[in-house]
């Protein structure tokens, strides 16, 4: 009972064709964020539509039904003109536009309510291929923002068995509920690479589908998505009751758009399980004996945005920093300042070589000295008059020597404490170089480890 989405027979002028192309791919660019992000209305540029099309084309049969439940202005619909299609969108303006360009059977519908093949006029035998760029947005955060950029709350009903805090995962659950044979959509890579998201948000989806191909790219590939970039994946899923677990994702080889490189999650160890990133619960220790705290953070982008050090504790917001674990948070403070913005790492916890940070005294001291110099607003790091913590470090650093070929960070610290230096370009250059090279160093280290582990089996 699906409908054929052939375009209208009406011949368009070149100008009309350009206007239609703009509407399909770029029409949301001029809208303010508060009017488009509540429903995830970021339309898809042509090169990303082509990416999805290339991934899914080998799995589209002549009798496949193409399903786009968040069709927008139809960017994905032209790719398979000979297949039947079901076209839905909750936005009446989008549906009106689809009608105007020939998709007369497109319907306005809340695609997340009463999800079933029966509702869509499909039989159990229909080969269903879901494509598109469904909205991804944390619906729980929308009503919390205030002011001129406050977003409209999502007020439509979502079936209880597919409801999630994120609309994108609700769509994935909906595709599962429809028993789609093939799914090829764009969604944040965080759905997969964050273990809590993978296990808790996707739920049954991971039991019934396997990621077959994945190509990641920066969120800034969307013309109207600004700010700190995060990774998005063009993901091809095939229905397979063997399912997939998180270890499968950790070892999955993701392609990178416009690159011959691959991205493998397990190549990049992070601070997870090593450095606490969330404020303790009521039962945990909430005060610091050195009066130093760090704002909690979810991932690298969050650390860069809000992960500052403070001397004021906030319940369920700040992490108490002890003298014993100060070097770890000094590392995070330096990483926050010098690690370059790169979409690949944005949704991961901060990268770290745990072995080096635990054994390399020089690295720990570099991070600590840089943290002290850049956080003079905090009383625990005060140099005039000297805090007890600064006096302690002054005594310790007097006895330390610099490895051959390295900058004399202890002289830099001494000059700073005497008031003869406020900033150190040498220190900044050293840490900037270290963090720029860190991902490749971690990747090479992990590759060596994997080869060693394989060789032991033979």
Protein backbone atom coordinates (compact mmCIF):
# COMPACT_ATOMS: atom_id res chain seq x y z
CA UNK A 1 0.00 0.00 0.00
CA UNK A 2 3.05 2.25 -0.19
CA UNK A 3 3.06 5.15 -2.62
CA UNK A 4 5.44 5.91 -5.44
CA UNK A 5 7.27 9.21 -4.84
CA UNK A 6 7.90 10.14 -8.47
CA UNK A 7 8.40 13.83 -8.87
CA UNK A 8 5.84 15.97 -10.65
CA UNK A 9 5.72 15.88 -14.44
CA UNK A 10 5.82 19.69 -14.43
CA UNK A 11 8.98 21.02 -16.06
CA UNK A 12 10.85 23.41 -13.77
CA UNK A 13 12.86 26.38 -14.99
CA UNK A 14 16.57 26.53 -13.99
CA UNK A 15 15.74 29.18 -11.36
CA UNK A 16 12.92 27.05 -9.95
CA UNK A 17 15.27 24.06 -9.78
CA UNK A 18 17.81 26.12 -7.80
CA UNK A 19 15.10 27.28 -5.39
CA UNK A 20 13.92 23.71 -4.84
CA UNK A 21 17.50 22.56 -4.24
CA UNK A 22 18.02 25.31 -1.70
CA UNK A 23 14.78 24.49 0.09
CA UNK A 24 15.64 20.79 0.32
CA UNK A 25 19.16 21.17 1.65
CA UNK A 26 19.74 24.62 3.14
CA UNK A 27 16.41 26.24 4.05
CA UNK A 28 16.96 26.02 7.81
CA UNK A 29 20.28 27.87 7.75
CA UNK A 30 18.69 31.26 8.34
CA UNK A 31 16.37 30.15 11.14
CA UNK A 32 17.28 31.01 14.75
CA UNK A 33 18.36 27.99 16.80
CA UNK A 34 15.34 28.17 19.10
CA UNK A 35 12.97 27.60 16.16
CA UNK A 36 14.72 24.62 14.58
CA UNK A 37 16.62 22.66 17.24
CA UNK A 38 13.60 21.69 19.30
CA UNK A 39 12.58 19.31 16.51
CA UNK A 40 16.08 18.74 15.14
CA UNK A 41 15.31 20.67 11.96
CA UNK A 42 18.77 20.79 10.41
CA UNK A 43 18.41 19.98 6.71
CA UNK A 44 20.99 17.81 5.02
CA UNK A 45 23.59 19.12 2.52
CA UNK A 46 23.79 17.24 -0.80
CA UNK A 47 27.18 15.61 -0.12
CA UNK A 48 25.82 14.00 3.06
CA UNK A 49 22.73 12.80 1.22
CA UNK A 50 25.08 11.24 -1.34
CA UNK A 51 27.02 9.56 1.46
CA UNK A 52 23.89 7.86 2.83
CA UNK A 53 22.77 6.91 -0.67
CA UNK A 54 26.11 5.28 -1.48
CA UNK A 55 26.08 3.27 1.74
CA UNK A 56 22.54 1.95 1.39
CA UNK A 57 22.21 1.48 -2.38
CA UNK A 58 23.62 -2.11 -2.47
CA UNK A 59 20.90 -3.18 0.00
CA UNK A 60 17.92 -1.62 -1.79
CA UNK A 61 15.99 -4.22 -3.81
CA UNK A 62 13.58 -3.53 -6.65
CA UNK A 63 10.68 -4.32 -4.31
CA UNK A 64 12.07 -2.44 -1.29
CA UNK A 65 9.86 0.19 0.32
CA UNK A 66 11.77 3.37 1.20
CA UNK A 67 10.69 4.92 4.49
CA UNK A 68 11.57 8.44 5.63
CA UNK A 69 9.72 9.28 8.85
CA UNK A 70 11.28 12.74 9.17
CA UNK A 71 11.40 13.69 5.51
CA UNK A 72 11.80 17.45 5.93
CA UNK A 73 11.88 18.86 2.39
CA UNK A 74 12.71 15.53 0.77
CA UNK A 75 16.50 15.61 0.47
CA UNK A 76 16.76 11.80 0.53
CA UNK A 77 13.74 10.96 -1.61
CA UNK A 78 15.15 11.56 -5.08
CA UNK A 79 17.77 8.80 -4.78
CA UNK A 80 15.39 5.89 -5.36
CA UNK A 81 12.73 7.08 -7.81
CA UNK A 82 11.78 3.55 -8.91
CA UNK A 83 10.95 2.31 -5.41
CA UNK A 84 7.74 2.72 -3.51
CA UNK A 85 8.10 5.14 -0.62
CA UNK A 86 6.37 6.24 2.54
CA UNK A 87 6.98 9.87 3.42
CA UNK A 88 6.11 11.46 6.76
CA UNK A 89 6.97 14.62 8.66
CA UNK A 90 5.45 16.30 11.70
CA UNK A 91 5.96 19.78 10.20
CA UNK A 92 3.01 20.90 8.06
CA UNK A 93 5.15 23.44 6.19
CA UNK A 94 7.58 20.69 5.18
CA UNK A 95 4.73 18.48 3.98
CA UNK A 96 3.26 21.36 1.98
CA UNK A 97 6.60 21.87 0.28
CA UNK A 98 6.84 18.14 -0.51
CA UNK A 99 3.42 18.34 -2.14
CA UNK A 100 4.54 21.34 -4.20
CA UNK A 101 7.49 19.45 -5.69
CA UNK A 102 5.55 16.35 -6.61
CA UNK A 103 5.51 14.17 -3.48
CA UNK A 104 1.75 14.43 -3.23
CA UNK A 105 1.36 11.38 -0.98
CA UNK A 106 3.58 12.81 1.75
CA UNK A 107 1.63 13.06 5.01
CA UNK A 108 1.85 15.12 8.15
CA UNK A 109 2.22 12.68 11.02
CA UNK A 110 3.79 12.18 14.41
CA UNK A 111 6.00 9.28 13.36
CA UNK A 112 6.76 8.31 16.96
CA UNK A 113 3.12 7.75 17.95
CA UNK A 114 1.27 4.49 17.38
CA UNK A 115 4.26 3.05 15.52
CA UNK A 116 3.33 -0.02 13.48
CA UNK A 117 3.46 -1.45 9.99
CA UNK A 118 -0.33 -1.49 9.99
CA UNK A 119 -0.46 2.28 10.47
CA UNK A 120 1.87 2.74 7.47
CA UNK A 121 -0.04 0.31 5.27
CA UNK A 122 2.79 -2.22 5.19
CA UNK A 123 2.60 -6.00 5.33
CA UNK A 124 5.04 -8.19 7.25
CA UNK A 125 6.46 -9.31 3.91
CA UNK A 126 7.40 -5.82 2.69
CA UNK A 127 11.18 -5.25 2.54
CA UNK A 128 11.57 -2.02 4.49
CA UNK A 129 14.53 0.33 4.09
CA UNK A 130 14.65 3.32 6.47
CA UNK A 131 16.75 6.29 5.36
CA UNK A 132 17.22 9.91 6.31
CA UNK A 133 18.38 12.34 8.93
CA UNK A 134 15.89 12.07 11.80
CA UNK A 135 16.08 14.71 14.53
CA UNK A 136 18.51 14.16 17.34
CA UNK A 137 18.03 16.34 20.35
CA UNK A 138 17.85 15.81 24.11
CA UNK A 139 14.21 16.61 24.77
CA UNK A 140 14.74 16.81 28.54
CA UNK A 141 17.08 19.78 28.23
CA UNK A 142 14.89 21.99 26.09
CA UNK A 143 12.54 23.28 28.73
CA UNK A 144 15.40 24.12 31.08
CA UNK A 145 16.94 26.87 28.98
CA UNK A 146 15.72 30.40 29.57
CA UNK A 147 16.14 33.77 27.91
CA UNK A 148 16.04 34.87 24.29
CA UNK A 149 17.46 31.58 23.02
CA UNK A 150 15.05 29.39 24.99
CA UNK A 151 13.83 26.51 22.85
CA UNK A 152 10.29 25.38 22.45
CA UNK A 153 9.39 22.28 24.42
CA UNK A 154 8.63 19.06 22.60
CA UNK A 155 4.95 18.52 23.31
CA UNK A 156 3.99 15.60 21.05
CA UNK A 157 3.30 12.10 22.32
CA UNK A 158 5.88 9.32 21.92
CA UNK A 159 4.98 5.64 22.38
CA UNK A 160 6.16 4.56 25.82
CA UNK A 161 8.17 1.61 24.49
CA UNK A 162 10.32 3.78 22.21
CA UNK A 163 10.47 6.95 24.29
CA UNK A 164 13.96 8.19 25.11
CA UNK A 165 15.56 11.41 26.32
CA UNK A 166 16.92 11.81 22.79
CA UNK A 167 14.64 11.94 19.77
CA UNK A 168 17.20 10.20 17.58
CA UNK A 169 17.26 7.09 19.72
CA UNK A 170 13.45 7.12 19.74
CA UNK A 171 13.56 6.96 15.95
CA UNK A 172 16.02 4.05 16.02
CA UNK A 173 13.70 2.22 18.42
CA UNK A 174 10.79 3.02 16.08
CA UNK A 175 12.63 1.48 13.12
CA UNK A 176 13.23 -1.61 15.24
CA UNK A 177 9.54 -1.71 16.17
CA UNK A 178 8.73 -1.64 12.45
CA UNK A 179 11.15 -4.56 11.85
CA UNK A 180 12.98 -2.67 9.13
CA UNK A 181 15.40 -4.89 7.22
CA UNK A 182 17.83 -2.05 6.46
CA UNK A 183 18.45 1.26 8.24
CA UNK A 184 20.79 3.94 6.93
CA UNK A 185 20.62 7.26 8.74
CA UNK A 186 22.70 10.07 10.18
CA UNK A 187 22.97 10.28 13.97
CA UNK A 188 25.48 11.40 16.62
CA UNK A 189 28.35 8.94 17.05
CA UNK A 190 27.80 9.29 20.81
CA UNK A 191 24.86 6.86 20.54
CA UNK A 192 27.41 4.14 19.88
CA UNK A 193 30.74 5.15 21.41
CA UNK A 194 29.40 6.21 24.83
CA UNK A 195 28.87 2.93 26.63
CA UNK A 196 25.98 4.21 28.75
CA UNK A 197 24.16 5.42 25.62
CA UNK A 198 24.79 2.15 23.81
CA UNK A 199 23.53 0.00 26.66
CA UNK A 200 20.77 2.17 28.10
CA UNK A 201 19.37 4.30 25.29
CA UNK A 202 19.47 1.95 22.31
CA UNK A 203 18.27 -1.04 24.36
CA UNK A 204 16.63 -3.74 22.19
CA UNK A 205 17.96 -2.13 19.03
CA UNK A 206 21.41 -3.57 19.77
CA UNK A 207 19.95 -7.08 20.07
CA UNK A 208 18.34 -7.06 16.63
CA UNK A 209 20.67 -4.98 14.43
CA UNK A 210 24.35 -4.97 13.53
CA UNK A 211 26.30 -1.97 12.32
CA UNK A 212 27.53 -2.91 8.87
CA UNK A 213 29.23 0.32 7.78
CA UNK A 214 29.86 3.67 9.42
CA UNK A 215 31.43 6.89 8.17
CA UNK A 216 31.99 9.71 10.64
CA UNK A 217 32.20 13.44 9.98
CA UNK A 218 32.06 16.74 11.82
CA UNK A 219 28.77 18.33 12.83
CA UNK A 220 30.09 21.46 11.13
CA UNK A 221 29.45 19.74 7.79
CA UNK A 222 25.90 20.97 8.33
CA UNK A 223 25.79 24.56 7.11
CA UNK A 224 23.71 25.77 10.04
CA UNK A 225 25.37 23.87 12.91
CA UNK A 226 27.93 26.13 14.53
CA UNK A 227 29.99 25.95 17.68
CA UNK A 228 32.18 23.17 19.03
CA UNK A 229 32.13 20.26 16.56
CA UNK A 230 31.09 16.76 17.52
CA UNK A 231 31.12 13.51 15.51
CA UNK A 232 28.14 12.38 13.47
CA UNK A 233 28.01 9.01 11.74
CA UNK A 234 26.34 7.87 8.56
CA UNK A 235 25.40 4.44 9.88
CA UNK A 236 24.19 1.43 7.93
CA UNK A 237 22.44 -1.17 10.09
CA UNK A 238 21.23 -4.58 8.93
CA UNK A 239 18.65 -6.60 10.81
CA UNK A 240 20.55 -9.46 12.42
CA UNK A 241 19.43 -11.26 15.55
CA UNK A 242 23.02 -11.97 16.52
CA UNK A 243 23.05 -8.33 17.58
CA UNK A 244 26.08 -6.36 18.69
CA UNK A 245 27.68 -5.55 22.02
CA UNK A 246 29.83 -2.62 23.11
CA UNK A 247 33.06 -4.53 22.49
CA UNK A 248 31.95 -4.89 18.86
CA UNK A 249 31.65 -1.09 18.65
CA UNK A 250 35.03 -0.58 20.36
CA UNK A 251 36.72 -2.58 17.62
CA UNK A 252 34.57 -1.38 14.71
CA UNK A 253 36.46 0.33 11.88
CA UNK A 254 34.71 3.61 11.14
CA UNK A 255 35.60 5.46 7.98
CA UNK A 256 36.23 9.20 8.10
CA UNK A 257 34.60 11.39 5.46
CA UNK A 258 37.04 12.60 2.78
CA UNK A 259 39.90 10.66 4.33
CA UNK A 260 41.62 7.31 3.90
CA UNK A 261 41.98 7.03 7.68
CA UNK A 262 39.89 4.79 9.89
CA UNK A 263 38.73 5.44 13.42
CA UNK A 264 38.77 2.59 15.94
CA UNK A 265 37.53 3.48 19.40
CA UNK A 266 39.80 1.03 21.23
CA UNK A 267 42.85 2.82 19.82
CA UNK A 268 42.24 5.77 22.11
CA UNK A 269 42.29 5.16 25.88
CA UNK A 270 40.44 7.78 27.89
CA UNK A 271 40.12 8.90 31.48
CA UNK A 272 37.05 6.70 32.02
CA UNK A 273 37.57 4.60 35.14
CA UNK A 274 40.76 6.51 35.89
CA UNK A 275 39.79 10.11 36.66
CA UNK A 276 36.44 10.89 38.26
CA UNK A 277 34.36 13.16 36.06
CA UNK A 278 31.08 13.43 37.96
CA UNK A 279 30.40 15.02 41.32
CA UNK A 280 30.08 12.48 44.14
CA UNK A 281 26.72 11.38 45.45
CA UNK A 282 25.52 12.43 48.87
CA UNK A 283 27.29 9.41 50.36
CA UNK A 284 30.65 10.26 48.79
CA UNK A 285 33.33 12.66 49.92
CA UNK A 286 32.27 16.16 48.90
CA UNK A 287 34.97 18.40 50.41
CA UNK A 288 38.60 18.94 49.46
CA UNK A 289 41.33 19.34 52.09
CA UNK A 290 43.15 21.76 49.73
CA UNK A 291 39.95 23.70 48.90
CA UNK A 292 40.07 22.85 45.22
CA UNK A 293 37.20 21.59 43.05
CA UNK A 294 36.53 20.85 39.41
CA UNK A 295 33.19 21.30 37.68
CA UNK A 296 31.92 17.92 36.53
CA UNK A 297 31.92 17.07 32.82
CA UNK A 298 30.55 14.44 30.42
CA UNK A 299 33.18 14.37 27.68
CA UNK A 300 35.95 16.40 26.10
CA UNK A 301 33.63 19.05 24.67
CA UNK A 302 31.95 19.38 28.04
CA UNK A 303 35.35 19.67 29.78
CA UNK A 304 36.38 22.47 27.45
CA UNK A 305 33.07 24.27 27.97
CA UNK A 306 32.58 24.02 31.74
CA UNK A 307 35.42 22.03 33.32
CA UNK A 308 37.01 24.88 35.22
CA UNK A 309 38.70 24.71 38.62
CA UNK A 310 37.10 26.46 41.58
CA UNK A 311 37.62 26.97 45.31
CA UNK A 312 33.89 26.83 45.99
CA UNK A 313 32.12 23.47 46.34
CA UNK A 314 28.72 23.05 44.73
CA UNK A 315 26.62 20.06 45.73
CA UNK A 316 26.31 17.51 42.92
CA UNK A 317 28.17 19.87 40.58
CA UNK A 318 31.82 19.91 41.63
CA UNK A 319 34.38 17.15 42.16
CA UNK A 320 36.61 17.55 45.24
CA UNK A 321 40.29 17.54 44.31
CA UNK A 322 42.63 16.09 46.90
CA UNK A 323 46.36 16.59 47.29
CA UNK A 324 46.76 12.94 46.26
CA UNK A 325 44.91 13.24 42.95
CA UNK A 326 45.82 16.85 42.14
CA UNK A 327 48.14 15.76 39.32
CA UNK A 328 45.22 14.13 37.50
CA UNK A 329 43.09 17.27 37.56
CA UNK A 330 46.12 19.40 36.66
CA UNK A 331 46.45 17.15 33.61
CA UNK A 332 42.79 17.78 32.74
CA UNK A 333 43.23 21.50 33.26
CA UNK A 334 46.21 21.56 30.89
CA UNK A 335 44.41 19.33 28.36
CA UNK A 336 41.41 21.65 28.47
CA UNK A 337 43.67 24.54 27.52
CA UNK A 338 45.90 22.94 24.89
CA UNK A 339 44.19 19.91 23.36
CA UNK A 340 43.03 21.01 19.88
CA UNK A 341 39.36 21.00 18.96
CA UNK A 342 38.73 18.00 16.73
CA UNK A 343 35.31 16.50 16.08
CA UNK A 344 36.67 12.94 16.40
CA UNK A 345 37.32 13.29 20.13
CA UNK A 346 34.52 15.67 21.09
CA UNK A 347 32.14 13.07 22.56
CA UNK A 348 34.85 10.91 24.11
CA UNK A 349 36.14 11.36 27.61
CA UNK A 350 39.54 13.11 27.56
CA UNK A 351 42.33 11.05 26.05
CA UNK A 352 45.16 9.99 28.33
CA UNK A 353 48.17 7.73 28.45
CA UNK A 354 47.58 6.39 31.95
CA UNK A 355 50.93 4.65 32.11
CA UNK A 356 52.82 7.82 31.23
CA UNK A 357 50.87 10.03 33.60
CA UNK A 358 51.46 7.56 36.44
CA UNK A 359 55.21 7.23 35.85
CA UNK A 360 56.36 10.44 34.15
CA UNK A 361 57.09 12.87 36.97
CA UNK A 362 58.15 15.58 34.53
CA UNK A 363 54.81 15.48 32.66
CA UNK A 364 52.90 15.66 35.91
CA UNK A 365 54.94 18.63 37.08
CA UNK A 366 54.54 20.45 33.74
CA UNK A 367 50.76 20.15 34.01
CA UNK A 368 50.79 21.17 37.65
CA UNK A 369 52.97 24.25 37.10
CA UNK A 370 50.87 25.33 34.11
CA UNK A 371 47.70 24.88 36.19
CA UNK A 372 49.12 26.97 39.04
CA UNK A 373 50.20 29.76 36.69
CA UNK A 374 46.82 29.90 34.94
CA UNK A 375 44.62 29.73 38.04
CA UNK A 376 45.92 32.50 40.26
CA UNK A 377 42.36 33.50 41.14
CA UNK A 378 42.27 30.43 43.40
CA UNK A 379 43.58 30.90 46.92
CA UNK A 380 45.20 27.45 47.10
CA UNK A 381 47.56 28.49 44.26
CA UNK A 382 48.29 32.00 45.54
CA UNK A 383 51.91 33.16 45.23
CA UNK A 384 51.58 36.42 47.16
CA UNK A 385 51.31 35.65 49.96
CA UNK A 386 52.25 32.05 49.28
CA UNK A 387 49.63 29.45 50.11
CA UNK A 388 50.64 26.34 52.04
CA UNK A 389 50.29 24.28 48.85
CA UNK A 390 52.66 26.58 46.94
CA UNK A 391 55.18 26.44 49.79
CA UNK A 392 55.04 22.65 49.64
CA UNK A 393 55.67 22.56 45.89
CA UNK A 394 58.46 25.12 46.18
CA UNK A 395 60.30 22.81 48.58
CA UNK A 396 59.73 19.74 46.42
CA UNK A 397 60.76 21.37 43.15
CA UNK A 398 64.08 22.61 44.60
CA UNK A 399 65.34 19.02 44.72
CA UNK A 400 64.20 17.95 41.24
CA UNK A 401 66.35 17.88 38.11
CA UNK A 402 65.31 18.34 34.49
CA UNK A 403 65.72 15.45 32.03
CA UNK A 404 68.34 16.18 29.32
CA UNK A 405 66.92 18.15 26.40
CA UNK A 406 63.79 19.33 28.21
CA UNK A 407 62.86 22.84 29.28
CA UNK A 408 63.68 23.80 32.86
CA UNK A 409 60.14 23.92 34.27
CA UNK A 410 61.42 24.24 37.84
CA UNK A 411 63.28 27.45 36.99
CA UNK A 412 60.11 28.71 35.32
CA UNK A 413 58.14 27.91 38.47
CA UNK A 414 60.72 29.63 40.68
CA UNK A 415 60.68 32.77 38.52
CA UNK A 416 56.89 32.78 38.62
CA UNK A 417 56.75 32.49 42.42
CA UNK A 418 59.20 35.39 42.80
CA UNK A 419 56.95 37.52 40.59
CA UNK A 420 59.48 37.71 37.76
CA UNK A 421 57.26 35.84 35.30
CA UNK A 422 53.53 35.70 34.65
CA UNK A 423 53.34 33.41 31.62
CA UNK A 424 55.74 31.01 29.96
CA UNK A 425 55.70 30.54 26.20
CA UNK A 426 58.10 27.60 26.61
CA UNK A 427 55.60 25.84 28.84
CA UNK A 428 52.72 26.58 26.50
CA UNK A 429 54.62 25.33 23.46
CA UNK A 430 55.64 22.12 25.24
CA UNK A 431 52.09 21.26 26.33
CA UNK A 432 50.55 22.29 23.03
CA UNK A 433 52.96 20.02 21.18
CA UNK A 434 52.32 17.18 23.63
CA UNK A 435 48.53 17.27 23.26
CA UNK A 436 48.60 17.73 19.48
CA UNK A 437 50.66 14.54 19.19
CA UNK A 438 48.78 12.60 21.88
CA UNK A 439 46.11 10.91 19.67
CA UNK A 440 48.68 9.53 17.24
CA UNK A 441 50.91 8.42 20.10
CA UNK A 442 48.03 6.57 21.75
CA UNK A 443 46.99 4.98 18.46
CA UNK A 444 50.51 3.72 17.76
CA UNK A 445 50.86 2.44 21.30
CA UNK A 446 47.56 0.55 21.11
CA UNK A 447 48.44 -0.89 17.70
CA UNK A 448 51.73 -2.20 19.08
CA UNK A 449 49.92 -3.74 22.03
CA UNK A 450 47.36 -5.44 19.77
CA UNK A 451 50.11 -6.90 17.56
CA UNK A 452 51.89 -8.18 20.65
CA UNK A 453 48.70 -9.80 21.96
CA UNK A 454 48.05 -11.48 18.60
CA UNK A 455 51.61 -12.81 18.41
CA UNK A 456 51.25 -14.46 21.80
CA UNK A 457 48.47 -16.64 20.39
CA UNK A 458 50.82 -18.33 17.94
